[in-house]
Amino acid sequence: MKTSALQIKVGERLLIDGLNLEIRAGECWCVIGRNGAGKSTLLRTLVGLRQADAGSVSLQDKILADWPLQALARERAFLPQGRNDAFGYRVIEMVLTARHPYHDAAYWESESDHTAAHTALQLMDVAEFAERDIRTLSGGERQRVAIAAVLAQDTPLLLLDEPTSALDMAHQVSAMKLLAKLCREQKKAVVMVSHDLNLAHGVATHALLLMGDGRWHAGKVDDVMQAPLLSECLGHPIEIVRHGSRAIYLAVEEKK
């Protein structure tokens, strides 16, 4: 996926200006910025749910708007931020909805659809809930089911808005490790929004910092996730502590 001179506005506010980005197979991008900087709006633009205010988004050298919807759904999957499960579907039914792009003229799910759905549930440690009403699950369990649906869609590109929100620490770590493994072994590309700098740095190959005023910084994770840039981006001083091969990001007390 590529963006060319991409511009995003909300009302009169210019959030992103002139964004030139190329997301390649096997790369894991983390999008970082303070609240209101345009992270979720950017993801919705990359998915094709809103139009860019200027510039373009292309996938395989074809402008996003020129893709047939079913074909596009086989190329990219989207995990939005927050969900409201109003109906009492079973968990397995919720995950199977992600297989619709592969049905063509078929009405019923195939054996391969069920295999993909059950495999995704196992990867997210929610296979035991397959027959449960989605409304009976906790917030973290619902989030893991939502990620399982994205995995079952089996697309080369995953666009994830705060995928670890509501997850406990163990599942945060395992979900991030899984995303890194998909990039490394299956050459999937991931673009995710995250507020946890330490989790993001542990798996991301690249980072995009949104400054909230049109400016941005993009590149390899260690080049971009530097304390001065992060401090300006997040509006709070950040300090990096080295522990062996790890970089630990700390929010430090502001000097009075």
C-alpha atoms as a PDB file:
ATOM      1  CA  MET A   1       0.000   0.000   0.000  1.00  0.00           C
ATOM      2  CA  LYS A   2       1.169   3.521  -0.830  1.00  0.00           C
ATOM      3  CA  THR A   3       0.042   7.017   0.025  1.00  0.00           C
ATOM      4  CA  SER A   4       0.989   9.941  -2.170  1.00  0.00           C
ATOM      5  CA  ALA A   5       0.867  13.502  -0.816  1.00  0.00           C
ATOM      6  CA  LEU A   6      -1.986  12.377   1.441  1.00  0.00           C
ATOM      7  CA  GLN A   7      -3.798  15.125   3.301  1.00  0.00           C
ATOM      8  CA  ILE A   8      -6.339  14.597   6.073  1.00  0.00           C
ATOM      9  CA  LYS A   9      -8.462  17.300   7.672  1.00  0.00           C
ATOM     10  CA  VAL A  10     -11.194  17.252  10.289  1.00  0.00           C
ATOM     11  CA  GLY A  11     -13.252  20.398   9.979  1.00  0.00           C
ATOM     12  CA  GLU A  12     -10.766  23.247   9.695  1.00  0.00           C
ATOM     13  CA  ARG A  13      -7.985  21.290  11.390  1.00  0.00           C
ATOM     14  CA  LEU A  14      -5.152  19.989   9.235  1.00  0.00           C
ATOM     15  CA  LEU A  15      -4.067  16.718  10.822  1.00  0.00           C
ATOM     16  CA  ILE A  16      -1.814  15.152   8.185  1.00  0.00           C
ATOM     17  CA  ASP A  17      -0.222  16.917   5.232  1.00  0.00           C
ATOM     18  CA  GLY A  18       1.766  15.482   2.328  1.00  0.00           C
ATOM     19  CA  LEU A  19       2.093  11.953   3.719  1.00  0.00           C
ATOM     20  CA  ASN A  20       4.160   9.759   1.416  1.00  0.00           C
ATOM     21  CA  LEU A  21       4.242   6.253   2.796  1.00  0.00           C
ATOM     22  CA  GLU A  22       4.949   2.807   1.380  1.00  0.00           C
ATOM     23  CA  ILE A  23       3.938  -0.241   3.408  1.00  0.00           C
ATOM     24  CA  ARG A  24       5.670  -3.359   2.133  1.00  0.00           C
ATOM     25  CA  ALA A  25       5.069  -7.056   2.715  1.00  0.00           C
ATOM     26  CA  GLY A  26       6.581  -8.242   5.981  1.00  0.00           C
ATOM     27  CA  GLU A  27       6.575  -4.800   7.604  1.00  0.00           C
ATOM     28  CA  CYS A  28       4.832  -3.962  10.871  1.00  0.00           C
ATOM     29  CA  TRP A  29       4.040  -0.258  11.223  1.00  0.00           C
ATOM     30  CA  CYS A  30       2.995   1.396  14.472  1.00  0.00           C
ATOM     31  CA  VAL A  31       1.096   4.690  14.313  1.00  0.00           C
ATOM     32  CA  ILE A  32       1.754   6.915  17.325  1.00  0.00           C
ATOM     33  CA  GLY A  33       0.254  10.231  18.349  1.00  0.00           C
ATOM     34  CA  ARG A  34      -1.717  11.985  21.048  1.00  0.00           C
ATOM     35  CA  ASN A  35      -5.524  11.937  21.160  1.00  0.00           C
ATOM     36  CA  GLY A  36      -7.014  13.758  18.191  1.00  0.00           C
ATOM     37  CA  ALA A  37      -3.848  13.613  16.093  1.00  0.00           C
ATOM     38  CA  GLY A  38      -5.608  11.684  13.307  1.00  0.00           C
ATOM     39  CA  LYS A  39      -4.543   8.081  13.943  1.00  0.00           C
ATOM     40  CA  SER A  40      -7.984   6.469  13.609  1.00  0.00           C
ATOM     41  CA  THR A  41      -8.935   8.847  10.801  1.00  0.00           C
ATOM     42  CA  LEU A  42      -5.797   7.817   8.924  1.00  0.00           C
ATOM     43  CA  LEU A  43      -6.632   4.134   9.294  1.00  0.00           C
ATOM     44  CA  ARG A  44     -10.184   4.720   8.039  1.00  0.00           C
ATOM     45  CA  THR A  45      -8.717   6.542   5.038  1.00  0.00           C
ATOM     46  CA  LEU A  46      -6.286   3.701   4.312  1.00  0.00           C
ATOM     47  CA  VAL A  47      -9.139   1.211   4.537  1.00  0.00           C
ATOM     48  CA  GLY A  48     -11.270   3.244   2.148  1.00  0.00           C
ATOM     49  CA  LEU A  49     -14.042   4.215   4.594  1.00  0.00           C
ATOM     50  CA  ARG A  50     -13.407   7.932   4.071  1.00  0.00           C
ATOM     51  CA  GLN A  51     -11.943   9.963   1.233  1.00  0.00           C
ATOM     52  CA  ALA A  52      -8.625  11.736   1.537  1.00  0.00           C
ATOM     53  CA  ASP A  53      -8.877  15.512   1.536  1.00  0.00           C
ATOM     54  CA  ALA A  54      -6.002  15.567  -0.956  1.00  0.00           C
ATOM     55  CA  GLY A  55      -3.551  13.077  -2.396  1.00  0.00           C
ATOM     56  CA  SER A  56      -4.240   9.381  -2.884  1.00  0.00           C
ATOM     57  CA  VAL A  57      -4.090   5.888  -1.421  1.00  0.00           C
ATOM     58  CA  SER A  58      -3.226   2.970  -3.694  1.00  0.00           C
ATOM     59  CA  LEU A  59      -2.984  -0.762  -3.284  1.00  0.00           C
ATOM     60  CA  GLN A  60      -0.889  -2.746  -5.770  1.00  0.00           C
ATOM     61  CA  ASP A  61      -0.587   0.430  -7.853  1.00  0.00           C
ATOM     62  CA  LYS A  62      -4.373   0.769  -8.176  1.00  0.00           C
ATOM     63  CA  ILE A  63      -6.194   3.687  -6.538  1.00  0.00           C
ATOM     64  CA  LEU A  64      -8.268   2.377  -3.637  1.00  0.00           C
ATOM     65  CA  ALA A  65     -11.547   3.705  -5.062  1.00  0.00           C
ATOM     66  CA  ASP A  66     -10.999   1.663  -8.248  1.00  0.00           C
ATOM     67  CA  TRP A  67     -11.012  -1.654  -6.396  1.00  0.00           C
ATOM     68  CA  PRO A  68     -14.226  -3.743  -6.473  1.00  0.00           C
ATOM     69  CA  LEU A  69     -15.356  -4.069  -2.848  1.00  0.00           C
ATOM     70  CA  GLN A  70     -15.204  -7.865  -2.715  1.00  0.00           C
ATOM     71  CA  ALA A  71     -11.714  -7.928  -4.204  1.00  0.00           C
ATOM     72  CA  LEU A  72     -10.598  -5.203  -1.794  1.00  0.00           C
ATOM     73  CA  ALA A  73     -11.924  -7.220   1.146  1.00  0.00           C
ATOM     74  CA  ARG A  74      -9.603 -10.030   0.111  1.00  0.00           C
ATOM     75  CA  GLU A  75      -6.616  -7.683   0.238  1.00  0.00           C
ATOM     76  CA  ARG A  76      -7.052  -5.767   3.487  1.00  0.00           C
ATOM     77  CA  ALA A  77      -8.788  -6.350   6.820  1.00  0.00           C
ATOM     78  CA  PHE A  78      -9.728  -3.688   9.357  1.00  0.00           C
ATOM     79  CA  LEU A  79     -10.136  -3.806  13.125  1.00  0.00           C
ATOM     80  CA  PRO A  80     -11.932  -0.622  14.218  1.00  0.00           C
ATOM     81  CA  GLN A  81     -11.719   0.904  17.652  1.00  0.00           C
ATOM     82  CA  GLY A  82     -14.650  -0.124  19.834  1.00  0.00           C
ATOM     83  CA  ARG A  83     -17.600  -2.322  18.986  1.00  0.00           C
ATOM     84  CA  ASN A  84     -21.182  -2.778  20.110  1.00  0.00           C
ATOM     85  CA  ASP A  85     -22.475  -6.326  19.678  1.00  0.00           C
ATOM     86  CA  ALA A  86     -26.213  -5.695  19.664  1.00  0.00           C
ATOM     87  CA  PHE A  87     -27.343  -9.142  18.544  1.00  0.00           C
ATOM     88  CA  GLY A  88     -26.870 -12.530  20.153  1.00  0.00           C
ATOM     89  CA  TYR A  89     -24.739 -14.218  17.530  1.00  0.00           C
ATOM     90  CA  ARG A  90     -22.544 -17.116  18.462  1.00  0.00           C
ATOM     91  CA  VAL A  91     -18.836 -16.390  18.501  1.00  0.00           C
ATOM     92  CA  ILE A  92     -18.171 -18.769  15.599  1.00  0.00           C
ATOM     93  CA  GLU A  93     -20.834 -16.978  13.540  1.00  0.00           C
ATOM     94  CA  MET A  94     -19.188 -13.613  14.206  1.00  0.00           C
ATOM     95  CA  VAL A  95     -15.825 -14.892  12.997  1.00  0.00           C
ATOM     96  CA  LEU A  96     -17.337 -16.620   9.954  1.00  0.00           C
ATOM     97  CA  THR A  97     -18.696 -13.273   8.722  1.00  0.00           C
ATOM     98  CA  ALA A  98     -15.083 -12.407   7.887  1.00  0.00           C
ATOM     99  CA  ARG A  99     -15.098 -15.180   5.294  1.00  0.00           C
ATOM    100  CA  HIS A 100     -17.829 -13.581   3.136  1.00  0.00           C
ATOM    101  CA  PRO A 101     -15.344 -12.052   0.638  1.00  0.00           C
ATOM    102  CA  TYR A 102     -14.455 -15.592  -0.461  1.00  0.00           C
ATOM    103  CA  HIS A 103     -18.005 -16.857  -1.051  1.00  0.00           C
ATOM    104  CA  ASP A 104     -18.661 -15.444  -4.531  1.00  0.00           C
ATOM    105  CA  ALA A 105     -22.007 -16.990  -5.470  1.00  0.00           C
ATOM    106  CA  ALA A 106     -22.030 -19.516  -2.602  1.00  0.00           C
ATOM    107  CA  TYR A 107     -24.508 -18.961   0.216  1.00  0.00           C
ATOM    108  CA  TRP A 108     -23.246 -21.325   2.904  1.00  0.00           C
ATOM    109  CA  GLU A 109     -19.795 -21.366   4.461  1.00  0.00           C
ATOM    110  CA  SER A 110     -17.443 -24.037   3.177  1.00  0.00           C
ATOM    111  CA  GLU A 111     -15.293 -26.429   5.158  1.00  0.00           C
ATOM    112  CA  SER A 112     -12.296 -24.181   4.502  1.00  0.00           C
ATOM    113  CA  ASP A 113     -14.212 -21.221   5.973  1.00  0.00           C
ATOM    114  CA  HIS A 114     -14.895 -23.161   9.169  1.00  0.00           C
ATOM    115  CA  THR A 115     -11.274 -24.295   9.330  1.00  0.00           C
ATOM    116  CA  ALA A 116     -10.030 -20.717   8.986  1.00  0.00           C
ATOM    117  CA  ALA A 117     -12.460 -19.491  11.662  1.00  0.00           C
ATOM    118  CA  HIS A 118     -11.595 -22.203  14.189  1.00  0.00           C
ATOM    119  CA  THR A 119      -7.869 -21.752  13.568  1.00  0.00           C
ATOM    120  CA  ALA A 120      -8.172 -18.010  14.205  1.00  0.00           C
ATOM    121  CA  LEU A 121     -10.099 -18.613  17.428  1.00  0.00           C
ATOM    122  CA  GLN A 122      -7.370 -20.979  18.602  1.00  0.00           C
ATOM    123  CA  LEU A 123      -4.661 -18.444  17.792  1.00  0.00           C
ATOM    124  CA  MET A 124      -6.442 -15.870  19.956  1.00  0.00           C
ATOM    125  CA  ASP A 125      -7.111 -18.337  22.793  1.00  0.00           C
ATOM    126  CA  VAL A 126     -10.901 -18.108  22.487  1.00  0.00           C
ATOM    127  CA  ALA A 127     -11.696 -21.439  20.824  1.00  0.00           C
ATOM    128  CA  GLU A 128     -13.590 -22.568  23.938  1.00  0.00           C
ATOM    129  CA  PHE A 129     -16.084 -19.724  23.393  1.00  0.00           C
ATOM    130  CA  ALA A 130     -17.048 -20.761  19.843  1.00  0.00           C
ATOM    131  CA  GLU A 131     -20.645 -21.610  20.756  1.00  0.00           C
ATOM    132  CA  ARG A 132     -21.124 -18.806  23.271  1.00  0.00           C
ATOM    133  CA  ASP A 133     -23.332 -15.761  22.724  1.00  0.00           C
ATOM    134  CA  ILE A 134     -20.924 -12.914  21.918  1.00  0.00           C
ATOM    135  CA  ARG A 135     -22.774 -10.697  24.406  1.00  0.00           C
ATOM    136  CA  THR A 136     -21.841 -12.971  27.325  1.00  0.00           C
ATOM    137  CA  LEU A 137     -18.103 -12.363  26.886  1.00  0.00           C
ATOM    138  CA  SER A 138     -15.984  -9.824  28.731  1.00  0.00           C
ATOM    139  CA  GLY A 139     -14.574  -6.808  26.913  1.00  0.00           C
ATOM    140  CA  GLY A 140     -11.159  -8.423  26.550  1.00  0.00           C
ATOM    141  CA  GLU A 141     -12.661 -11.673  25.286  1.00  0.00           C
ATOM    142  CA  ARG A 142     -14.728  -9.789  22.708  1.00  0.00           C
ATOM    143  CA  GLN A 143     -11.595  -7.972  21.556  1.00  0.00           C
ATOM    144  CA  ARG A 144      -9.799 -11.279  21.041  1.00  0.00           C
ATOM    145  CA  VAL A 145     -12.763 -12.569  19.033  1.00  0.00           C
ATOM    146  CA  ALA A 146     -12.649  -9.386  16.919  1.00  0.00           C
ATOM    147  CA  ILE A 147      -8.953  -9.962  16.216  1.00  0.00           C
ATOM    148  CA  ALA A 148      -9.740 -13.597  15.377  1.00  0.00           C
ATOM    149  CA  ALA A 149     -12.223 -12.384  12.749  1.00  0.00           C
ATOM    150  CA  VAL A 150      -9.528 -10.195  11.181  1.00  0.00           C
ATOM    151  CA  LEU A 151      -7.154 -13.180  11.105  1.00  0.00           C
ATOM    152  CA  ALA A 152      -9.833 -15.406   9.564  1.00  0.00           C
ATOM    153  CA  GLN A 153     -10.267 -12.888   6.748  1.00  0.00           C
ATOM    154  CA  ASP A 154      -6.728 -13.918   5.743  1.00  0.00           C
ATOM    155  CA  THR A 155      -5.634 -10.788   3.914  1.00  0.00           C
ATOM    156  CA  PRO A 156      -2.080  -9.655   3.069  1.00  0.00           C
ATOM    157  CA  LEU A 157      -2.650  -6.310   4.833  1.00  0.00           C
ATOM    158  CA  LEU A 158      -4.041  -5.821   8.362  1.00  0.00           C
ATOM    159  CA  LEU A 159      -5.105  -2.370   9.600  1.00  0.00           C
ATOM    160  CA  LEU A 160      -5.683  -2.461  13.346  1.00  0.00           C
ATOM    161  CA  ASP A 161      -6.888   0.358  15.584  1.00  0.00           C
ATOM    162  CA  GLU A 162      -5.604  -0.287  19.119  1.00  0.00           C
ATOM    163  CA  PRO A 163      -5.711  -4.086  18.848  1.00  0.00           C
ATOM    164  CA  THR A 164      -4.577  -4.664  22.449  1.00  0.00           C
ATOM    165  CA  SER A 165      -7.158  -2.394  24.086  1.00  0.00           C
ATOM    166  CA  ALA A 166      -9.065  -4.201  26.876  1.00  0.00           C
ATOM    167  CA  LEU A 167      -6.621  -7.128  26.822  1.00  0.00           C
ATOM    168  CA  ASP A 168      -4.826  -8.261  29.963  1.00  0.00           C
ATOM    169  CA  MET A 169      -1.038  -8.153  29.972  1.00  0.00           C
ATOM    170  CA  ALA A 170      -0.527 -11.788  28.945  1.00  0.00           C
ATOM    171  CA  HIS A 171      -2.865 -11.480  25.971  1.00  0.00           C
ATOM    172  CA  GLN A 172      -1.403  -8.103  24.992  1.00  0.00           C
ATOM    173  CA  VAL A 173       2.021  -9.686  24.711  1.00  0.00           C
ATOM    174  CA  SER A 174       0.791 -12.815  22.932  1.00  0.00           C
ATOM    175  CA  ALA A 175      -1.282 -10.778  20.435  1.00  0.00           C
ATOM    176  CA  MET A 176       1.684  -8.570  19.597  1.00  0.00           C
ATOM    177  CA  LYS A 177       3.987 -11.569  19.220  1.00  0.00           C
ATOM    178  CA  LEU A 178       1.446 -13.165  16.880  1.00  0.00           C
ATOM    179  CA  LEU A 179       1.315 -10.052  14.691  1.00  0.00           C
ATOM    180  CA  ALA A 180       5.104  -9.969  14.508  1.00  0.00           C
ATOM    181  CA  LYS A 181       5.149 -13.659  13.577  1.00  0.00           C
ATOM    182  CA  LEU A 182       2.611 -13.118  10.783  1.00  0.00           C
ATOM    183  CA  CYS A 183       4.807 -10.379   9.337  1.00  0.00           C
ATOM    184  CA  ARG A 184       7.989 -12.388   9.713  1.00  0.00           C
ATOM    185  CA  GLU A 185       6.795 -15.813   8.537  1.00  0.00           C
ATOM    186  CA  GLN A 186       3.805 -15.107   6.284  1.00  0.00           C
ATOM    187  CA  LYS A 187       5.011 -11.723   4.998  1.00  0.00           C
ATOM    188  CA  LYS A 188       1.790 -10.006   5.951  1.00  0.00           C
ATOM    189  CA  ALA A 189       1.888  -6.234   6.386  1.00  0.00           C
ATOM    190  CA  VAL A 190       0.459  -4.704   9.559  1.00  0.00           C
ATOM    191  CA  VAL A 191      -0.431  -1.104  10.347  1.00  0.00           C
ATOM    192  CA  MET A 192      -1.588  -0.640  13.923  1.00  0.00           C
ATOM    193  CA  VAL A 193      -2.393   2.216  16.249  1.00  0.00           C
ATOM    194  CA  SER A 194      -0.933   1.763  19.724  1.00  0.00           C
ATOM    195  CA  HIS A 195      -0.521   3.923  22.804  1.00  0.00           C
ATOM    196  CA  ASP A 196       1.844   1.434  24.452  1.00  0.00           C
ATOM    197  CA  LEU A 197       5.292   2.459  23.280  1.00  0.00           C
ATOM    198  CA  ASN A 198       6.996  -0.564  24.811  1.00  0.00           C
ATOM    199  CA  LEU A 199       4.696  -3.118  23.211  1.00  0.00           C
ATOM    200  CA  ALA A 200       4.888  -1.293  19.885  1.00  0.00           C
ATOM    201  CA  HIS A 201       8.671  -1.069  19.866  1.00  0.00           C
ATOM    202  CA  GLY A 202       8.926  -4.757  20.687  1.00  0.00           C
ATOM    203  CA  VAL A 203       7.230  -5.858  17.467  1.00  0.00           C
ATOM    204  CA  ALA A 204       7.216  -2.945  15.007  1.00  0.00           C
ATOM    205  CA  THR A 205       9.700  -2.666  12.168  1.00  0.00           C
ATOM    206  CA  HIS A 206       8.591   0.876  11.300  1.00  0.00           C
ATOM    207  CA  ALA A 207       6.848   3.763  13.029  1.00  0.00           C
ATOM    208  CA  LEU A 208       4.751   6.731  11.937  1.00  0.00           C
ATOM    209  CA  LEU A 209       4.504   9.658  14.331  1.00  0.00           C
ATOM    210  CA  LEU A 210       1.581  12.043  13.787  1.00  0.00           C
ATOM    211  CA  MET A 211       2.286  15.445  15.285  1.00  0.00           C
ATOM    212  CA  GLY A 212      -1.348  16.606  15.012  1.00  0.00           C
ATOM    213  CA  ASP A 213      -0.618  19.768  13.027  1.00  0.00           C
ATOM    214  CA  GLY A 214       0.025  18.274   9.595  1.00  0.00           C
ATOM    215  CA  ARG A 215       3.601  17.217  10.334  1.00  0.00           C
ATOM    216  CA  TRP A 216       4.676  13.600  10.543  1.00  0.00           C
ATOM    217  CA  HIS A 217       7.766  11.441  10.865  1.00  0.00           C
ATOM    218  CA  ALA A 218       8.050   7.980   9.321  1.00  0.00           C
ATOM    219  CA  GLY A 219      10.793   5.399   9.045  1.00  0.00           C
ATOM    220  CA  LYS A 220      12.441   2.426  10.699  1.00  0.00           C
ATOM    221  CA  VAL A 221      11.346   2.059  14.288  1.00  0.00           C
ATOM    222  CA  ASP A 222      14.694   2.831  15.932  1.00  0.00           C
ATOM    223  CA  ASP A 223      15.180   5.897  13.751  1.00  0.00           C
ATOM    224  CA  VAL A 224      11.762   7.349  14.553  1.00  0.00           C
ATOM    225  CA  MET A 225      11.052   6.245  18.122  1.00  0.00           C
ATOM    226  CA  GLN A 226      13.588   8.629  19.603  1.00  0.00           C
ATOM    227  CA  ALA A 227      12.973  10.449  22.876  1.00  0.00           C
ATOM    228  CA  PRO A 228      12.940  14.036  21.472  1.00  0.00           C
ATOM    229  CA  LEU A 229      10.540  13.173  18.653  1.00  0.00           C
ATOM    230  CA  LEU A 230       8.249  11.124  20.907  1.00  0.00           C
ATOM    231  CA  SER A 231       8.239  13.854  23.559  1.00  0.00           C
ATOM    232  CA  GLU A 232       7.091  16.437  21.018  1.00  0.00           C
ATOM    233  CA  CYS A 233       4.635  14.046  19.402  1.00  0.00           C
ATOM    234  CA  LEU A 234       2.962  13.027  22.671  1.00  0.00           C
ATOM    235  CA  GLY A 235       3.214  16.355  24.448  1.00  0.00           C
ATOM    236  CA  HIS A 236       5.052  14.869  27.408  1.00  0.00           C
ATOM    237  CA  PRO A 237       8.739  14.178  28.093  1.00  0.00           C
ATOM    238  CA  ILE A 238       9.757  10.615  27.234  1.00  0.00           C
ATOM    239  CA  GLU A 239      12.945   8.955  28.384  1.00  0.00           C
ATOM    240  CA  ILE A 240      14.478   5.793  26.921  1.00  0.00           C
ATOM    241  CA  VAL A 241      16.196   3.352  29.266  1.00  0.00           C
ATOM    242  CA  ARG A 242      18.361   0.621  27.763  1.00  0.00           C
ATOM    243  CA  HIS A 243      18.168  -2.816  29.368  1.00  0.00           C
ATOM    244  CA  GLY A 244      20.281  -5.290  27.450  1.00  0.00           C
ATOM    245  CA  SER A 245      18.913  -5.316  23.912  1.00  0.00           C
ATOM    246  CA  ARG A 246      15.623  -3.737  24.992  1.00  0.00           C
ATOM    247  CA  ALA A 247      14.597  -0.103  24.864  1.00  0.00           C
ATOM    248  CA  ILE A 248      12.176   0.822  27.639  1.00  0.00           C
ATOM    249  CA  TYR A 249      10.102   3.984  27.177  1.00  0.00           C
ATOM    250  CA  LEU A 250       9.196   5.931  30.289  1.00  0.00           C
ATOM    251  CA  ALA A 251       7.029   8.995  30.772  1.00  0.00           C
ATOM    252  CA  VAL A 252       9.125  11.196  33.051  1.00  0.00           C
ATOM    253  CA  GLU A 253       8.054  13.887  35.484  1.00  0.00           C
ATOM    254  CA  GLU A 254       8.024  17.327  33.940  1.00  0.00           C
ATOM    255  CA  LYS A 255      10.363  19.869  35.474  1.00  0.00           C
ATOM    256  CA  LYS A 256       8.607  22.757  37.176  1.00  0.00           C
END
